[in-house]
Amino acid sequence: MAGNVFLVAEGRVLTPAVDRAGIAGVMRRFIIQVAAEAGLDVRVCDLAPAAVASAGEIFLSNALHGIRPVHAVGSRQLAPGPVTARLVALLAAAGVVECAG
């Protein structure tokens, strides 16, 4: 799946700049906008491997699939968390795309 990665760590939604990873697409912009409007702290920043390894939630996005939670990083299991679920609900309510949260 070509798209973007988002991490949730310490109450913040983090995503790398598109020159580092991802696609400067409409879904990425929409998620950043909706998250900020919902009062979430959204930051575009460099993501070190340690940030990925310790993130409480990770999801991928693109315009075709919406938001897809990441369930594992290596041997570490992850469950979709409350921030991911909230963003899935906000995108679904906006009628943007059917999301698989």
C-alpha atoms as a PDB file:
ATOM      1  CA  MET A   1       0.000   0.000   0.000  1.00  0.00           C
ATOM      2  CA  ALA A   2       1.470   3.345  -1.000  1.00  0.00           C
ATOM      3  CA  GLY A   3       0.574   6.034   1.491  1.00  0.00           C
ATOM      4  CA  ASN A   4       1.575   7.729   4.707  1.00  0.00           C
ATOM      5  CA  VAL A   5       2.480   6.664   8.208  1.00  0.00           C
ATOM      6  CA  PHE A   6       1.199   8.315  11.378  1.00  0.00           C
ATOM      7  CA  LEU A   7       2.296   7.592  14.932  1.00  0.00           C
ATOM      8  CA  VAL A   8       0.526   8.425  18.153  1.00  0.00           C
ATOM      9  CA  ALA A   9       2.976   9.066  20.962  1.00  0.00           C
ATOM     10  CA  GLU A  10       2.532  11.008  24.186  1.00  0.00           C
ATOM     11  CA  GLY A  11      -0.822  12.336  23.006  1.00  0.00           C
ATOM     12  CA  ARG A  12       0.578  13.687  19.752  1.00  0.00           C
ATOM     13  CA  VAL A  13      -0.131  12.611  16.184  1.00  0.00           C
ATOM     14  CA  LEU A  14       3.198  12.516  14.354  1.00  0.00           C
ATOM     15  CA  THR A  15       3.946  12.071  10.677  1.00  0.00           C
ATOM     16  CA  PRO A  16       7.147  12.574   8.694  1.00  0.00           C
ATOM     17  CA  ALA A  17       7.542  15.312   6.117  1.00  0.00           C
ATOM     18  CA  VAL A  18       6.791  13.974   2.642  1.00  0.00           C
ATOM     19  CA  ASP A  19      10.372  14.561   1.531  1.00  0.00           C
ATOM     20  CA  ARG A  20      11.336  11.921   4.144  1.00  0.00           C
ATOM     21  CA  ALA A  21       8.527   9.411   3.540  1.00  0.00           C
ATOM     22  CA  GLY A  22       5.036   9.222   2.129  1.00  0.00           C
ATOM     23  CA  ILE A  23       2.875  10.930  -0.441  1.00  0.00           C
ATOM     24  CA  ALA A  24       1.754  14.565  -0.475  1.00  0.00           C
ATOM     25  CA  GLY A  25      -1.813  13.486  -1.079  1.00  0.00           C
ATOM     26  CA  VAL A  26      -5.304  14.612  -0.255  1.00  0.00           C
ATOM     27  CA  MET A  27      -5.857  12.008   2.492  1.00  0.00           C
ATOM     28  CA  ARG A  28      -2.698  13.011   4.349  1.00  0.00           C
ATOM     29  CA  ARG A  29      -3.721  16.676   4.260  1.00  0.00           C
ATOM     30  CA  PHE A  30      -7.272  15.805   5.298  1.00  0.00           C
ATOM     31  CA  ILE A  31      -6.144  13.706   8.276  1.00  0.00           C
ATOM     32  CA  ILE A  32      -3.810  16.463   9.467  1.00  0.00           C
ATOM     33  CA  GLN A  33      -6.606  19.040   9.100  1.00  0.00           C
ATOM     34  CA  VAL A  34      -9.315  16.938  10.772  1.00  0.00           C
ATOM     35  CA  ALA A  35      -7.003  15.951  13.620  1.00  0.00           C
ATOM     36  CA  ALA A  36      -6.038  19.575  14.279  1.00  0.00           C
ATOM     37  CA  GLU A  37      -9.680  20.714  14.116  1.00  0.00           C
ATOM     38  CA  ALA A  38     -10.532  17.982  16.646  1.00  0.00           C
ATOM     39  CA  GLY A  39      -7.999  19.478  19.040  1.00  0.00           C
ATOM     40  CA  LEU A  40      -5.298  16.872  18.565  1.00  0.00           C
ATOM     41  CA  ASP A  41      -1.664  17.971  18.642  1.00  0.00           C
ATOM     42  CA  VAL A  42      -0.440  17.156  15.118  1.00  0.00           C
ATOM     43  CA  ARG A  43       3.206  17.486  14.190  1.00  0.00           C
ATOM     44  CA  VAL A  44       5.106  16.953  10.965  1.00  0.00           C
ATOM     45  CA  CYS A  45       8.583  15.967  12.093  1.00  0.00           C
ATOM     46  CA  ASP A  46      11.499  13.609  11.688  1.00  0.00           C
ATOM     47  CA  LEU A  47      10.645  10.204  13.095  1.00  0.00           C
ATOM     48  CA  ALA A  48      13.517   8.217  14.530  1.00  0.00           C
ATOM     49  CA  PRO A  49      13.282   4.425  14.511  1.00  0.00           C
ATOM     50  CA  ALA A  50      12.955   4.582  18.307  1.00  0.00           C
ATOM     51  CA  ALA A  51       9.763   6.659  17.914  1.00  0.00           C
ATOM     52  CA  VAL A  52       8.248   3.973  15.713  1.00  0.00           C
ATOM     53  CA  ALA A  53       9.338   1.244  18.111  1.00  0.00           C
ATOM     54  CA  SER A  54       7.749   2.976  21.109  1.00  0.00           C
ATOM     55  CA  ALA A  55       4.602   4.501  19.557  1.00  0.00           C
ATOM     56  CA  GLY A  56       1.350   3.626  21.285  1.00  0.00           C
ATOM     57  CA  GLU A  57      -0.558   3.631  18.005  1.00  0.00           C
ATOM     58  CA  ILE A  58       0.504   3.498  14.360  1.00  0.00           C
ATOM     59  CA  PHE A  59      -1.680   3.783  11.301  1.00  0.00           C
ATOM     60  CA  LEU A  60      -1.208   4.030   7.568  1.00  0.00           C
ATOM     61  CA  SER A  61      -3.360   6.085   5.254  1.00  0.00           C
ATOM     62  CA  ASN A  62      -4.105   6.703   1.621  1.00  0.00           C
ATOM     63  CA  ALA A  63      -7.065   7.953  -0.398  1.00  0.00           C
ATOM     64  CA  LEU A  64      -8.169   4.475  -1.441  1.00  0.00           C
ATOM     65  CA  HIS A  65      -8.106   2.740   1.949  1.00  0.00           C
ATOM     66  CA  GLY A  66      -8.542   5.623   4.381  1.00  0.00           C
ATOM     67  CA  ILE A  67      -6.935   4.681   7.681  1.00  0.00           C
ATOM     68  CA  ARG A  68      -5.469   1.233   8.341  1.00  0.00           C
ATOM     69  CA  PRO A  69      -4.180   0.500  11.847  1.00  0.00           C
ATOM     70  CA  VAL A  70      -0.811  -1.229  12.106  1.00  0.00           C
ATOM     71  CA  HIS A  71      -1.129  -4.378  14.187  1.00  0.00           C
ATOM     72  CA  ALA A  72       2.550  -5.273  14.575  1.00  0.00           C
ATOM     73  CA  VAL A  73       6.011  -3.770  14.319  1.00  0.00           C
ATOM     74  CA  GLY A  74       8.450  -6.641  14.237  1.00  0.00           C
ATOM     75  CA  SER A  75       7.462  -8.929  17.089  1.00  0.00           C
ATOM     76  CA  ARG A  76       5.674  -6.130  18.989  1.00  0.00           C
ATOM     77  CA  GLN A  77       1.883  -6.368  18.765  1.00  0.00           C
ATOM     78  CA  LEU A  78      -0.242  -3.219  18.577  1.00  0.00           C
ATOM     79  CA  ALA A  79      -3.958  -2.714  18.929  1.00  0.00           C
ATOM     80  CA  PRO A  80      -5.868   0.139  17.305  1.00  0.00           C
ATOM     81  CA  GLY A  81      -6.039   2.846  19.949  1.00  0.00           C
ATOM     82  CA  PRO A  82      -8.441   5.650  20.820  1.00  0.00           C
ATOM     83  CA  VAL A  83      -6.807   8.309  18.646  1.00  0.00           C
ATOM     84  CA  THR A  84      -6.874   6.060  15.584  1.00  0.00           C
ATOM     85  CA  ALA A  85     -10.502   5.144  16.320  1.00  0.00           C
ATOM     86  CA  ARG A  86     -11.422   8.810  16.704  1.00  0.00           C
ATOM     87  CA  LEU A  87      -9.835   9.723  13.377  1.00  0.00           C
ATOM     88  CA  VAL A  88     -11.537   6.783  11.652  1.00  0.00           C
ATOM     89  CA  ALA A  89     -14.886   8.000  13.016  1.00  0.00           C
ATOM     90  CA  LEU A  90     -14.222  11.605  11.957  1.00  0.00           C
ATOM     91  CA  LEU A  91     -13.303  10.580   8.420  1.00  0.00           C
ATOM     92  CA  ALA A  92     -16.307   8.255   8.169  1.00  0.00           C
ATOM     93  CA  ALA A  93     -18.625  11.010   9.475  1.00  0.00           C
ATOM     94  CA  ALA A  94     -17.245  13.344   6.833  1.00  0.00           C
ATOM     95  CA  GLY A  95     -18.109  10.715   4.208  1.00  0.00           C
ATOM     96  CA  VAL A  96     -14.589  10.875   2.849  1.00  0.00           C
ATOM     97  CA  VAL A  97     -13.896   7.150   2.568  1.00  0.00           C
ATOM     98  CA  GLU A  98     -14.877   3.913   4.214  1.00  0.00           C
ATOM     99  CA  CYS A  99     -12.153   3.412   6.798  1.00  0.00           C
ATOM    100  CA  ALA A 100     -11.092   0.111   8.243  1.00  0.00           C
ATOM    101  CA  GLY A 101     -10.345   1.067  11.828  1.00  0.00           C
END
